[in-house]
């Protein structure tokens, strides 16, 4: 059984494919990530970005907003990339 992160990534990949098929120039992903007092690798976010980029998008901009003491809302803006 797939984890919630794996299902979220799969759903996002499907949405990225659909947006590309529709000819969209911009694709936006908003996700929640855990806060930490120290620097840490955000593997789930890195996996999400890599998966969307494999669908023909390039990460153009990110922003963070504190949602609670424990979580950040990350917004990632992708632009279509034609190789």
Protein backbone atom coordinates (compact mmCIF):
# COMPACT_ATOMS: atom_id res chain seq x y z
CA UNK A 1 0.00 0.00 0.00
CA UNK A 2 1.33 3.44 -0.96
CA UNK A 3 2.00 6.03 1.72
CA UNK A 4 0.14 9.33 1.77
CA UNK A 5 3.27 11.08 0.40
CA UNK A 6 3.45 8.58 -2.47
CA UNK A 7 -0.25 9.06 -3.28
CA UNK A 8 0.13 12.86 -3.13
CA UNK A 9 3.11 12.72 -5.51
CA UNK A 10 1.21 10.42 -7.88
CA UNK A 11 -1.79 12.78 -7.88
CA UNK A 12 0.49 15.77 -8.50
CA UNK A 13 2.24 14.00 -11.39
CA UNK A 14 -1.14 13.27 -12.98
CA UNK A 15 -2.17 16.93 -12.59
CA UNK A 16 1.17 18.06 -14.10
CA UNK A 17 0.61 15.78 -17.11
CA UNK A 18 -2.90 17.08 -17.60
CA UNK A 19 -1.78 20.72 -17.35
CA UNK A 20 0.92 20.08 -19.96
CA UNK A 21 -1.54 18.30 -22.28
CA UNK A 22 -3.88 21.29 -21.97
CA UNK A 23 -1.03 23.56 -23.09
CA UNK A 24 -0.71 25.46 -19.84
CA UNK A 25 2.43 27.56 -19.40
CA UNK A 26 2.41 27.56 -15.58
CA UNK A 27 1.76 24.80 -13.03
CA UNK A 28 1.45 25.62 -9.31
CA UNK A 29 1.80 23.16 -6.43
CA UNK A 30 1.00 24.04 -2.84
CA UNK A 31 2.08 21.57 -0.16
CA UNK A 32 2.64 21.43 3.57
CA UNK A 33 6.06 20.53 4.99
CA UNK A 34 7.27 20.09 8.55
CA UNK A 35 9.27 22.81 10.28
CA UNK A 36 12.49 22.06 12.09
CA UNK A 37 14.76 24.11 14.30
CA UNK A 38 17.74 22.89 12.28
CA UNK A 39 18.56 22.52 8.63
CA UNK A 40 17.24 19.27 7.21
CA UNK A 41 16.72 17.68 3.80
CA UNK A 42 13.09 17.86 2.68
CA UNK A 43 13.09 14.54 0.82
CA UNK A 44 9.35 14.50 0.24
CA UNK A 45 9.45 17.98 -1.30
CA UNK A 46 12.56 17.12 -3.33
CA UNK A 47 10.82 14.01 -4.68
CA UNK A 48 7.77 16.05 -5.61
CA UNK A 49 9.86 18.65 -7.47
CA UNK A 50 11.84 15.95 -9.32
CA UNK A 51 8.64 14.14 -10.33
CA UNK A 52 7.01 17.31 -11.70
CA UNK A 53 10.18 18.27 -13.58
CA UNK A 54 10.22 14.81 -15.23
CA UNK A 55 6.81 15.74 -16.66
CA UNK A 56 8.33 18.68 -18.57
CA UNK A 57 8.18 21.49 -16.01
CA UNK A 58 11.02 23.54 -14.50
CA UNK A 59 10.81 24.95 -10.97
CA UNK A 60 10.75 28.73 -11.39
CA UNK A 61 9.89 30.04 -7.93
CA UNK A 62 9.09 28.89 -4.39
CA UNK A 63 7.69 30.63 -1.36
CA UNK A 64 7.03 29.61 2.23
CA UNK A 65 4.30 30.65 4.62
CA UNK A 66 4.13 29.50 8.24
CA UNK A 67 0.84 27.68 8.76
CA UNK A 68 1.34 26.56 12.36
CA UNK A 69 4.26 26.24 14.73
CA UNK A 70 5.08 22.85 13.19
CA UNK A 71 4.33 23.33 9.48
CA UNK A 72 5.11 25.53 6.50
CA UNK A 73 3.01 25.93 3.38
CA UNK A 74 5.30 25.65 0.37
CA UNK A 75 4.13 27.01 -2.97
CA UNK A 76 6.13 25.91 -6.00
CA UNK A 77 5.60 27.60 -9.35
CA UNK A 78 6.71 25.63 -12.39
CA UNK A 79 7.04 26.85 -15.97
CA UNK A 80 6.62 24.55 -18.93
CA UNK A 81 9.92 23.49 -20.42
CA UNK A 82 10.23 22.25 -23.98
CA UNK A 83 13.45 20.37 -24.58
